[in-house]
């Protein structure tokens, strides 16, 4: 490991995690790179680079923050070989692999090659002449004071299903636990390669989301009855669309890669961090079923 890039949460205190990475890198004579606008928060030994240079110049990118920081690190590592290690310095930190107290052992595991690399799907959304990239989701969202989002989902050039509501979300499986989940979409393991289309607060009984293949050609057509819509990319507004316009959705497999240490499974993280609970009927029948975070008896 010759170079490590650091991506910091914009507000949270990352000092403990930064020190752990710097000490680890120093023992290996590895360079530590930081984004120019963030290096004032780091040790003087960190080399400042432009944001667009961090991914290409790093062999490992370490994200210190929450899910938003992890998504930003993945965008910086997009199309690069460097995998991203997520360290939770936030609250939920669903996408992160380890918490700060476990960072030392995580770095030792990387030294010992005791980890795997998991590819992550991205969505490229075509907005006129621009292309914007999301790792969680692209959503067309009703603008306050304007009419609802009335959107036709086209597959392979033909109308498939239309929605009217507050928003229509196209999510990767990584993003299945984000906005799509809040809107009632399914939880899907990120290893599954698919697109999830989920309406938010639909204005009809047609409230079913759909799962599409990556081989499908997908477009979101804004119908004449729609209002002006904001286009949100991983939660940030990337632009606006008007009735009559269309957004092309292009899935891109293995756009980025994340470090997995095998400490927990995806399903264990979902159950613990999203607080999934069993049906009351199941608990009544099986009182021995462990509650959240409680190991089963052996």
C-alpha atoms as a PDB file:
ATOM      1  CA  UNK A   1       0.000   0.000   0.000  1.00  0.00           C
ATOM      2  CA  UNK A   2       1.773   3.131  -1.228  1.00  0.00           C
ATOM      3  CA  UNK A   3      -0.942   5.772  -0.984  1.00  0.00           C
ATOM      4  CA  UNK A   4      -4.163   6.299   0.974  1.00  0.00           C
ATOM      5  CA  UNK A   5      -6.788   8.963   0.311  1.00  0.00           C
ATOM      6  CA  UNK A   6      -8.903  10.433   3.104  1.00  0.00           C
ATOM      7  CA  UNK A   7     -12.442  11.796   2.687  1.00  0.00           C
ATOM      8  CA  UNK A   8     -13.871  13.576   5.740  1.00  0.00           C
ATOM      9  CA  UNK A   9     -17.337  14.364   6.987  1.00  0.00           C
ATOM     10  CA  UNK A  10     -17.686  18.161   6.629  1.00  0.00           C
ATOM     11  CA  UNK A  11     -18.561  18.778  10.277  1.00  0.00           C
ATOM     12  CA  UNK A  12     -17.976  15.793  12.555  1.00  0.00           C
ATOM     13  CA  UNK A  13     -14.780  15.308  14.555  1.00  0.00           C
ATOM     14  CA  UNK A  14     -12.680  12.733  12.706  1.00  0.00           C
ATOM     15  CA  UNK A  15      -9.444  13.266  14.675  1.00  0.00           C
ATOM     16  CA  UNK A  16      -9.284   9.813  16.289  1.00  0.00           C
ATOM     17  CA  UNK A  17      -9.832   8.021  12.991  1.00  0.00           C
ATOM     18  CA  UNK A  18      -7.405  10.289  11.137  1.00  0.00           C
ATOM     19  CA  UNK A  19      -4.685   9.572  13.717  1.00  0.00           C
ATOM     20  CA  UNK A  20      -5.223   5.819  13.316  1.00  0.00           C
ATOM     21  CA  UNK A  21      -4.844   6.057   9.522  1.00  0.00           C
ATOM     22  CA  UNK A  22      -1.783   8.323   9.758  1.00  0.00           C
ATOM     23  CA  UNK A  23      -0.022   6.006  12.223  1.00  0.00           C
ATOM     24  CA  UNK A  24      -0.798   2.986  10.071  1.00  0.00           C
ATOM     25  CA  UNK A  25       0.439   4.702   6.910  1.00  0.00           C
ATOM     26  CA  UNK A  26       3.624   5.955   8.619  1.00  0.00           C
ATOM     27  CA  UNK A  27       4.610   2.412   9.586  1.00  0.00           C
ATOM     28  CA  UNK A  28       4.381   1.464   5.911  1.00  0.00           C
ATOM     29  CA  UNK A  29       5.963   4.590   4.421  1.00  0.00           C
ATOM     30  CA  UNK A  30       2.694   5.205   2.574  1.00  0.00           C
ATOM     31  CA  UNK A  31       1.578   8.632   1.402  1.00  0.00           C
ATOM     32  CA  UNK A  32      -1.647  10.040   2.849  1.00  0.00           C
ATOM     33  CA  UNK A  33      -3.622  12.280   0.506  1.00  0.00           C
ATOM     34  CA  UNK A  34      -6.363  14.710   1.447  1.00  0.00           C
ATOM     35  CA  UNK A  35      -8.648  17.015  -0.502  1.00  0.00           C
ATOM     36  CA  UNK A  36      -7.322  20.574  -0.623  1.00  0.00           C
ATOM     37  CA  UNK A  37     -10.363  22.095   1.075  1.00  0.00           C
ATOM     38  CA  UNK A  38     -10.120  19.599   3.961  1.00  0.00           C
ATOM     39  CA  UNK A  39      -6.392  19.354   4.731  1.00  0.00           C
ATOM     40  CA  UNK A  40      -6.495  22.188   7.264  1.00  0.00           C
ATOM     41  CA  UNK A  41      -8.272  19.669   9.519  1.00  0.00           C
ATOM     42  CA  UNK A  42      -5.559  17.066   9.023  1.00  0.00           C
ATOM     43  CA  UNK A  43      -1.950  16.499  10.076  1.00  0.00           C
ATOM     44  CA  UNK A  44       0.743  18.460   8.245  1.00  0.00           C
ATOM     45  CA  UNK A  45       2.025  15.225   6.760  1.00  0.00           C
ATOM     46  CA  UNK A  46      -1.072  14.884   4.585  1.00  0.00           C
ATOM     47  CA  UNK A  47      -0.511  15.817   0.933  1.00  0.00           C
ATOM     48  CA  UNK A  48      -3.201  18.151  -0.455  1.00  0.00           C
ATOM     49  CA  UNK A  49      -4.661  17.203  -3.845  1.00  0.00           C
ATOM     50  CA  UNK A  50      -7.610  18.294  -5.939  1.00  0.00           C
ATOM     51  CA  UNK A  51     -10.797  16.306  -5.367  1.00  0.00           C
ATOM     52  CA  UNK A  52     -10.672  14.822  -8.865  1.00  0.00           C
ATOM     53  CA  UNK A  53      -7.085  13.604  -8.247  1.00  0.00           C
ATOM     54  CA  UNK A  54      -7.790  11.719  -5.016  1.00  0.00           C
ATOM     55  CA  UNK A  55      -9.188   8.545  -6.596  1.00  0.00           C
ATOM     56  CA  UNK A  56      -6.587   8.140  -9.360  1.00  0.00           C
ATOM     57  CA  UNK A  57      -3.675   8.735  -6.955  1.00  0.00           C
ATOM     58  CA  UNK A  58      -4.884   6.456  -4.138  1.00  0.00           C
ATOM     59  CA  UNK A  59      -4.619   2.705  -3.720  1.00  0.00           C
ATOM     60  CA  UNK A  60      -7.182   2.819  -0.906  1.00  0.00           C
ATOM     61  CA  UNK A  61      -9.764   5.507  -0.129  1.00  0.00           C
ATOM     62  CA  UNK A  62     -10.909   5.789   3.490  1.00  0.00           C
ATOM     63  CA  UNK A  63     -14.255   7.480   4.115  1.00  0.00           C
ATOM     64  CA  UNK A  64     -14.598   9.003   7.596  1.00  0.00           C
ATOM     65  CA  UNK A  65     -18.206  10.015   8.242  1.00  0.00           C
ATOM     66  CA  UNK A  66     -21.683   8.760   7.549  1.00  0.00           C
ATOM     67  CA  UNK A  67     -23.483   7.522   4.475  1.00  0.00           C
ATOM     68  CA  UNK A  68     -23.236  10.874   2.676  1.00  0.00           C
ATOM     69  CA  UNK A  69     -19.450  10.858   3.090  1.00  0.00           C
ATOM     70  CA  UNK A  70     -19.306   7.261   1.868  1.00  0.00           C
ATOM     71  CA  UNK A  71     -21.276   8.158  -1.262  1.00  0.00           C
ATOM     72  CA  UNK A  72     -18.947  11.098  -1.920  1.00  0.00           C
ATOM     73  CA  UNK A  73     -15.907   8.825  -1.528  1.00  0.00           C
ATOM     74  CA  UNK A  74     -17.428   6.341  -3.976  1.00  0.00           C
ATOM     75  CA  UNK A  75     -17.955   9.129  -6.511  1.00  0.00           C
ATOM     76  CA  UNK A  76     -14.322  10.212  -6.091  1.00  0.00           C
ATOM     77  CA  UNK A  77     -13.239   6.593  -6.624  1.00  0.00           C
ATOM     78  CA  UNK A  78     -15.600   6.124  -9.586  1.00  0.00           C
ATOM     79  CA  UNK A  79     -13.889   4.385 -12.536  1.00  0.00           C
ATOM     80  CA  UNK A  80     -10.741   3.892 -10.430  1.00  0.00           C
ATOM     81  CA  UNK A  81      -9.109   0.773  -8.987  1.00  0.00           C
ATOM     82  CA  UNK A  82      -8.962   2.067  -5.408  1.00  0.00           C
ATOM     83  CA  UNK A  83     -11.571   0.428  -3.133  1.00  0.00           C
ATOM     84  CA  UNK A  84     -13.334   2.458  -0.442  1.00  0.00           C
ATOM     85  CA  UNK A  85     -13.233   1.555   3.250  1.00  0.00           C
ATOM     86  CA  UNK A  86     -16.160   3.136   5.079  1.00  0.00           C
ATOM     87  CA  UNK A  87     -15.583   4.169   8.700  1.00  0.00           C
ATOM     88  CA  UNK A  88     -18.667   5.293  10.594  1.00  0.00           C
ATOM     89  CA  UNK A  89     -18.095   8.606  12.337  1.00  0.00           C
ATOM     90  CA  UNK A  90     -21.776   9.478  12.006  1.00  0.00           C
ATOM     91  CA  UNK A  91     -24.996   8.146  13.467  1.00  0.00           C
ATOM     92  CA  UNK A  92     -26.474   5.404  11.284  1.00  0.00           C
ATOM     93  CA  UNK A  93     -23.539   4.797   8.952  1.00  0.00           C
ATOM     94  CA  UNK A  94     -25.362   2.045   7.119  1.00  0.00           C
ATOM     95  CA  UNK A  95     -22.887   1.921   4.220  1.00  0.00           C
ATOM     96  CA  UNK A  96     -19.804   1.936   6.449  1.00  0.00           C
ATOM     97  CA  UNK A  97     -17.926  -1.280   7.142  1.00  0.00           C
ATOM     98  CA  UNK A  98     -16.508  -0.457  10.602  1.00  0.00           C
ATOM     99  CA  UNK A  99     -16.903   1.953  13.500  1.00  0.00           C
ATOM    100  CA  UNK A 100     -13.952   4.021  14.731  1.00  0.00           C
ATOM    101  CA  UNK A 101     -13.003   1.621  17.606  1.00  0.00           C
ATOM    102  CA  UNK A 102     -12.616  -1.169  15.037  1.00  0.00           C
ATOM    103  CA  UNK A 103     -10.475   0.829  12.590  1.00  0.00           C
ATOM    104  CA  UNK A 104      -7.115  -0.460  13.875  1.00  0.00           C
ATOM    105  CA  UNK A 105      -8.149  -4.092  13.396  1.00  0.00           C
ATOM    106  CA  UNK A 106      -9.654  -3.261   9.997  1.00  0.00           C
ATOM    107  CA  UNK A 107      -6.367  -1.778   8.777  1.00  0.00           C
ATOM    108  CA  UNK A 108      -4.493  -4.813  10.115  1.00  0.00           C
ATOM    109  CA  UNK A 109      -6.881  -7.059   8.183  1.00  0.00           C
ATOM    110  CA  UNK A 110      -6.127  -5.091   5.030  1.00  0.00           C
ATOM    111  CA  UNK A 111      -2.406  -5.627   5.662  1.00  0.00           C
ATOM    112  CA  UNK A 112      -3.022  -9.350   6.017  1.00  0.00           C
ATOM    113  CA  UNK A 113      -5.161  -9.436   2.846  1.00  0.00           C
ATOM    114  CA  UNK A 114      -8.094 -10.647   4.949  1.00  0.00           C
ATOM    115  CA  UNK A 115     -10.764  -8.753   3.074  1.00  0.00           C
ATOM    116  CA  UNK A 116     -12.815  -8.874  -0.087  1.00  0.00           C
ATOM    117  CA  UNK A 117     -13.743  -6.245  -2.646  1.00  0.00           C
ATOM    118  CA  UNK A 118     -17.409  -5.750  -3.501  1.00  0.00           C
ATOM    119  CA  UNK A 119     -18.351  -3.964  -6.755  1.00  0.00           C
ATOM    120  CA  UNK A 120     -21.057  -1.311  -6.614  1.00  0.00           C
ATOM    121  CA  UNK A 121     -23.487  -0.310  -9.337  1.00  0.00           C
ATOM    122  CA  UNK A 122     -23.882   3.327 -10.371  1.00  0.00           C
ATOM    123  CA  UNK A 123     -26.643   5.089 -12.287  1.00  0.00           C
ATOM    124  CA  UNK A 124     -25.764   7.674 -14.927  1.00  0.00           C
ATOM    125  CA  UNK A 125     -28.733   9.981 -15.496  1.00  0.00           C
ATOM    126  CA  UNK A 126     -28.791  11.919 -18.751  1.00  0.00           C
ATOM    127  CA  UNK A 127     -30.152  15.447 -18.251  1.00  0.00           C
ATOM    128  CA  UNK A 128     -30.052  17.131 -21.635  1.00  0.00           C
ATOM    129  CA  UNK A 129     -26.369  17.526 -22.442  1.00  0.00           C
ATOM    130  CA  UNK A 130     -25.239  16.594 -18.907  1.00  0.00           C
ATOM    131  CA  UNK A 131     -24.639  13.238 -17.282  1.00  0.00           C
ATOM    132  CA  UNK A 132     -24.823  12.968 -13.489  1.00  0.00           C
ATOM    133  CA  UNK A 133     -23.916   9.894 -11.452  1.00  0.00           C
ATOM    134  CA  UNK A 134     -25.618   8.359  -8.426  1.00  0.00           C
ATOM    135  CA  UNK A 135     -24.667   5.364  -6.304  1.00  0.00           C
ATOM    136  CA  UNK A 136     -27.895   5.381  -4.257  1.00  0.00           C
ATOM    137  CA  UNK A 137     -30.660   6.820  -6.387  1.00  0.00           C
ATOM    138  CA  UNK A 138     -31.967   9.299  -8.922  1.00  0.00           C
ATOM    139  CA  UNK A 139     -35.358  10.787  -8.031  1.00  0.00           C
ATOM    140  CA  UNK A 140     -37.694  13.200  -9.784  1.00  0.00           C
ATOM    141  CA  UNK A 141     -39.411  15.108  -6.986  1.00  0.00           C
ATOM    142  CA  UNK A 142     -42.360  17.496  -6.868  1.00  0.00           C
ATOM    143  CA  UNK A 143     -41.271  21.104  -6.346  1.00  0.00           C
ATOM    144  CA  UNK A 144     -43.245  22.814  -3.537  1.00  0.00           C
ATOM    145  CA  UNK A 145     -45.959  25.018  -5.013  1.00  0.00           C
ATOM    146  CA  UNK A 146     -46.018  23.055  -8.266  1.00  0.00           C
ATOM    147  CA  UNK A 147     -48.173  20.146  -9.394  1.00  0.00           C
ATOM    148  CA  UNK A 148     -47.418  16.512  -8.636  1.00  0.00           C
ATOM    149  CA  UNK A 149     -44.827  14.347 -10.326  1.00  0.00           C
ATOM    150  CA  UNK A 150     -46.587  12.577 -13.195  1.00  0.00           C
ATOM    151  CA  UNK A 151     -44.049  10.273 -14.773  1.00  0.00           C
ATOM    152  CA  UNK A 152     -44.111   7.458 -17.293  1.00  0.00           C
ATOM    153  CA  UNK A 153     -41.434   4.817 -16.921  1.00  0.00           C
ATOM    154  CA  UNK A 154     -40.405   3.681 -20.383  1.00  0.00           C
ATOM    155  CA  UNK A 155     -38.588   0.397 -20.868  1.00  0.00           C
ATOM    156  CA  UNK A 156     -36.877  -0.360 -24.173  1.00  0.00           C
ATOM    157  CA  UNK A 157     -38.582   2.668 -25.722  1.00  0.00           C
ATOM    158  CA  UNK A 158     -42.130   1.678 -24.764  1.00  0.00           C
ATOM    159  CA  UNK A 159     -44.398   2.848 -21.916  1.00  0.00           C
ATOM    160  CA  UNK A 160     -44.317   0.384 -19.022  1.00  0.00           C
ATOM    161  CA  UNK A 161     -45.883   2.004 -15.954  1.00  0.00           C
ATOM    162  CA  UNK A 162     -46.969   5.522 -15.040  1.00  0.00           C
ATOM    163  CA  UNK A 163     -47.006   7.098 -11.612  1.00  0.00           C
ATOM    164  CA  UNK A 164     -48.485  10.256 -10.123  1.00  0.00           C
ATOM    165  CA  UNK A 165     -47.270  11.272  -6.694  1.00  0.00           C
ATOM    166  CA  UNK A 166     -44.663  13.218  -4.780  1.00  0.00           C
ATOM    167  CA  UNK A 167     -41.692  11.546  -6.447  1.00  0.00           C
ATOM    168  CA  UNK A 168     -40.503   8.625  -8.535  1.00  0.00           C
ATOM    169  CA  UNK A 169     -37.231   7.033  -7.397  1.00  0.00           C
ATOM    170  CA  UNK A 170     -34.859   4.929  -9.456  1.00  0.00           C
ATOM    171  CA  UNK A 171     -32.449   3.250  -7.050  1.00  0.00           C
ATOM    172  CA  UNK A 172     -29.515   0.896  -7.210  1.00  0.00           C
ATOM    173  CA  UNK A 173     -29.588  -2.034  -4.844  1.00  0.00           C
ATOM    174  CA  UNK A 174     -27.069  -0.126  -2.710  1.00  0.00           C
ATOM    175  CA  UNK A 175     -29.740   2.569  -2.445  1.00  0.00           C
ATOM    176  CA  UNK A 176     -32.519   0.119  -1.619  1.00  0.00           C
ATOM    177  CA  UNK A 177     -32.111   0.998   2.079  1.00  0.00           C
ATOM    178  CA  UNK A 178     -32.254   4.775   1.482  1.00  0.00           C
ATOM    179  CA  UNK A 179     -35.024   6.885  -0.123  1.00  0.00           C
ATOM    180  CA  UNK A 180     -36.538   3.875  -1.890  1.00  0.00           C
ATOM    181  CA  UNK A 181     -36.922   2.040   1.434  1.00  0.00           C
ATOM    182  CA  UNK A 182     -38.576   5.086   3.016  1.00  0.00           C
ATOM    183  CA  UNK A 183     -41.056   5.138   0.127  1.00  0.00           C
ATOM    184  CA  UNK A 184     -41.963   1.478   0.646  1.00  0.00           C
ATOM    185  CA  UNK A 185     -39.504  -0.201  -1.713  1.00  0.00           C
ATOM    186  CA  UNK A 186     -37.921  -3.600  -1.030  1.00  0.00           C
ATOM    187  CA  UNK A 187     -34.636  -4.263   0.739  1.00  0.00           C
ATOM    188  CA  UNK A 188     -32.192  -5.806  -1.745  1.00  0.00           C
ATOM    189  CA  UNK A 189     -28.662  -7.101  -1.211  1.00  0.00           C
ATOM    190  CA  UNK A 190     -26.186  -4.805  -3.074  1.00  0.00           C
ATOM    191  CA  UNK A 191     -24.682  -7.864  -4.734  1.00  0.00           C
ATOM    192  CA  UNK A 192     -27.868  -8.102  -6.815  1.00  0.00           C
ATOM    193  CA  UNK A 193     -27.560  -6.123 -10.048  1.00  0.00           C
ATOM    194  CA  UNK A 194     -30.905  -4.463 -10.737  1.00  0.00           C
ATOM    195  CA  UNK A 195     -32.723  -1.129 -10.780  1.00  0.00           C
ATOM    196  CA  UNK A 196     -35.566  -0.462  -8.348  1.00  0.00           C
ATOM    197  CA  UNK A 197     -38.336   1.952  -9.374  1.00  0.00           C
ATOM    198  CA  UNK A 198     -40.438   3.138  -6.432  1.00  0.00           C
ATOM    199  CA  UNK A 199     -43.154   5.827  -6.263  1.00  0.00           C
ATOM    200  CA  UNK A 200     -43.260   8.096  -3.206  1.00  0.00           C
ATOM    201  CA  UNK A 201     -46.726   8.957  -1.859  1.00  0.00           C
ATOM    202  CA  UNK A 202     -48.530   7.829  -5.031  1.00  0.00           C
ATOM    203  CA  UNK A 203     -51.921   9.414  -5.682  1.00  0.00           C
ATOM    204  CA  UNK A 204     -53.674   6.174  -6.610  1.00  0.00           C
ATOM    205  CA  UNK A 205     -54.017   2.548  -5.628  1.00  0.00           C
ATOM    206  CA  UNK A 206     -51.170   1.826  -8.038  1.00  0.00           C
ATOM    207  CA  UNK A 207     -48.435   2.003  -5.434  1.00  0.00           C
ATOM    208  CA  UNK A 208     -46.317  -0.943  -6.558  1.00  0.00           C
ATOM    209  CA  UNK A 209     -42.669  -0.510  -7.354  1.00  0.00           C
ATOM    210  CA  UNK A 210     -40.916  -2.551 -10.018  1.00  0.00           C
ATOM    211  CA  UNK A 211     -37.520  -4.197 -10.409  1.00  0.00           C
ATOM    212  CA  UNK A 212     -35.780  -3.839 -13.774  1.00  0.00           C
ATOM    213  CA  UNK A 213     -32.870  -5.637 -15.375  1.00  0.00           C
ATOM    214  CA  UNK A 214     -29.655  -3.781 -16.126  1.00  0.00           C
ATOM    215  CA  UNK A 215     -30.096  -4.874 -19.730  1.00  0.00           C
ATOM    216  CA  UNK A 216     -33.285  -2.811 -19.997  1.00  0.00           C
ATOM    217  CA  UNK A 217     -33.172   0.655 -21.547  1.00  0.00           C
ATOM    218  CA  UNK A 218     -34.954   2.898 -19.045  1.00  0.00           C
ATOM    219  CA  UNK A 219     -36.284   6.446 -19.390  1.00  0.00           C
ATOM    220  CA  UNK A 220     -38.373   8.688 -17.159  1.00  0.00           C
ATOM    221  CA  UNK A 221     -40.757  10.738 -19.311  1.00  0.00           C
ATOM    222  CA  UNK A 222     -42.287  13.763 -17.570  1.00  0.00           C
ATOM    223  CA  UNK A 223     -45.890  13.835 -18.772  1.00  0.00           C
ATOM    224  CA  UNK A 224     -47.839  17.019 -19.677  1.00  0.00           C
ATOM    225  CA  UNK A 225     -49.973  16.784 -16.509  1.00  0.00           C
ATOM    226  CA  UNK A 226     -46.865  16.965 -14.311  1.00  0.00           C
ATOM    227  CA  UNK A 227     -45.493  19.981 -12.542  1.00  0.00           C
ATOM    228  CA  UNK A 228     -41.906  21.137 -12.630  1.00  0.00           C
ATOM    229  CA  UNK A 229     -39.731  18.517 -10.937  1.00  0.00           C
ATOM    230  CA  UNK A 230     -36.403  18.601  -9.143  1.00  0.00           C
ATOM    231  CA  UNK A 231     -33.902  15.918 -10.116  1.00  0.00           C
ATOM    232  CA  UNK A 232     -32.202  14.664  -6.967  1.00  0.00           C
ATOM    233  CA  UNK A 233     -29.016  12.629  -7.300  1.00  0.00           C
ATOM    234  CA  UNK A 234     -28.041  10.877  -4.063  1.00  0.00           C
ATOM    235  CA  UNK A 235     -30.143  13.444  -2.238  1.00  0.00           C
ATOM    236  CA  UNK A 236     -28.639  16.535  -3.889  1.00  0.00           C
ATOM    237  CA  UNK A 237     -30.533  18.623  -6.443  1.00  0.00           C
ATOM    238  CA  UNK A 238     -28.747  18.281  -9.788  1.00  0.00           C
ATOM    239  CA  UNK A 239     -31.257  20.201 -11.898  1.00  0.00           C
ATOM    240  CA  UNK A 240     -34.888  20.543 -12.883  1.00  0.00           C
ATOM    241  CA  UNK A 241     -37.092  19.059 -15.587  1.00  0.00           C
ATOM    242  CA  UNK A 242     -40.297  20.340 -17.143  1.00  0.00           C
ATOM    243  CA  UNK A 243     -43.297  18.506 -18.614  1.00  0.00           C
ATOM    244  CA  UNK A 244     -42.365  17.004 -21.976  1.00  0.00           C
ATOM    245  CA  UNK A 245     -38.745  16.343 -21.003  1.00  0.00           C
ATOM    246  CA  UNK A 246     -37.166  12.931 -20.537  1.00  0.00           C
ATOM    247  CA  UNK A 247     -34.353  11.553 -18.364  1.00  0.00           C
ATOM    248  CA  UNK A 248     -32.276   8.643 -19.612  1.00  0.00           C
ATOM    249  CA  UNK A 249     -31.198   6.113 -16.987  1.00  0.00           C
ATOM    250  CA  UNK A 250     -27.978   4.205 -17.693  1.00  0.00           C
ATOM    251  CA  UNK A 251     -26.853   1.574 -15.168  1.00  0.00           C
ATOM    252  CA  UNK A 252     -23.082   1.108 -14.888  1.00  0.00           C
ATOM    253  CA  UNK A 253     -21.968  -2.052 -13.036  1.00  0.00           C
ATOM    254  CA  UNK A 254     -18.773  -2.102 -10.950  1.00  0.00           C
ATOM    255  CA  UNK A 255     -18.392   1.676 -11.130  1.00  0.00           C
ATOM    256  CA  UNK A 256     -16.783   1.684  -7.677  1.00  0.00           C
ATOM    257  CA  UNK A 257     -15.635  -0.920  -5.161  1.00  0.00           C
ATOM    258  CA  UNK A 258     -15.914  -1.166  -1.391  1.00  0.00           C
ATOM    259  CA  UNK A 259     -13.899  -3.080   1.199  1.00  0.00           C
ATOM    260  CA  UNK A 260     -15.685  -5.884   3.015  1.00  0.00           C
ATOM    261  CA  UNK A 261     -14.108  -7.524   6.068  1.00  0.00           C
ATOM    262  CA  UNK A 262     -16.759 -10.170   6.674  1.00  0.00           C
ATOM    263  CA  UNK A 263     -17.482  -8.970  10.216  1.00  0.00           C
ATOM    264  CA  UNK A 264     -21.226  -8.944   9.578  1.00  0.00           C
ATOM    265  CA  UNK A 265     -23.518  -9.862   6.718  1.00  0.00           C
ATOM    266  CA  UNK A 266     -25.681  -7.424   4.791  1.00  0.00           C
ATOM    267  CA  UNK A 267     -28.764  -8.909   6.445  1.00  0.00           C
ATOM    268  CA  UNK A 268     -27.357  -8.518   9.953  1.00  0.00           C
ATOM    269  CA  UNK A 269     -26.550  -4.861   9.266  1.00  0.00           C
ATOM    270  CA  UNK A 270     -30.038  -4.256   7.881  1.00  0.00           C
ATOM    271  CA  UNK A 271     -31.730  -5.867  10.851  1.00  0.00           C
ATOM    272  CA  UNK A 272     -29.626  -3.985  13.394  1.00  0.00           C
ATOM    273  CA  UNK A 273     -29.321  -0.547  11.801  1.00  0.00           C
ATOM    274  CA  UNK A 274     -32.815  -0.281  10.354  1.00  0.00           C
ATOM    275  CA  UNK A 275     -34.361  -1.759  13.474  1.00  0.00           C
ATOM    276  CA  UNK A 276     -36.326  -4.439  11.641  1.00  0.00           C
ATOM    277  CA  UNK A 277     -38.755  -6.241  13.915  1.00  0.00           C
ATOM    278  CA  UNK A 278     -40.597  -9.501  13.542  1.00  0.00           C
ATOM    279  CA  UNK A 279     -44.353  -9.862  13.406  1.00  0.00           C
ATOM    280  CA  UNK A 280     -46.003  -9.907  16.828  1.00  0.00           C
ATOM    281  CA  UNK A 281     -47.553 -13.257  15.858  1.00  0.00           C
ATOM    282  CA  UNK A 282     -44.117 -14.771  15.350  1.00  0.00           C
ATOM    283  CA  UNK A 283     -42.872 -13.475  18.705  1.00  0.00           C
ATOM    284  CA  UNK A 284     -46.006 -14.845  20.392  1.00  0.00           C
ATOM    285  CA  UNK A 285     -45.490 -18.281  18.852  1.00  0.00           C
ATOM    286  CA  UNK A 286     -41.698 -18.303  19.216  1.00  0.00           C
ATOM    287  CA  UNK A 287     -40.734 -16.428  22.412  1.00  0.00           C
ATOM    288  CA  UNK A 288     -37.200 -17.782  21.976  1.00  0.00           C
ATOM    289  CA  UNK A 289     -36.666 -15.689  18.834  1.00  0.00           C
ATOM    290  CA  UNK A 290     -33.904 -13.165  19.729  1.00  0.00           C
ATOM    291  CA  UNK A 291     -34.731  -9.465  19.697  1.00  0.00           C
ATOM    292  CA  UNK A 292     -32.663  -6.917  17.763  1.00  0.00           C
ATOM    293  CA  UNK A 293     -28.986  -7.182  18.681  1.00  0.00           C
ATOM    294  CA  UNK A 294     -29.544 -10.174  20.986  1.00  0.00           C
ATOM    295  CA  UNK A 295     -27.734 -13.395  20.006  1.00  0.00           C
ATOM    296  CA  UNK A 296     -29.701 -16.609  19.817  1.00  0.00           C
ATOM    297  CA  UNK A 297     -29.187 -19.129  22.607  1.00  0.00           C
ATOM    298  CA  UNK A 298     -27.211 -22.258  21.818  1.00  0.00           C
END
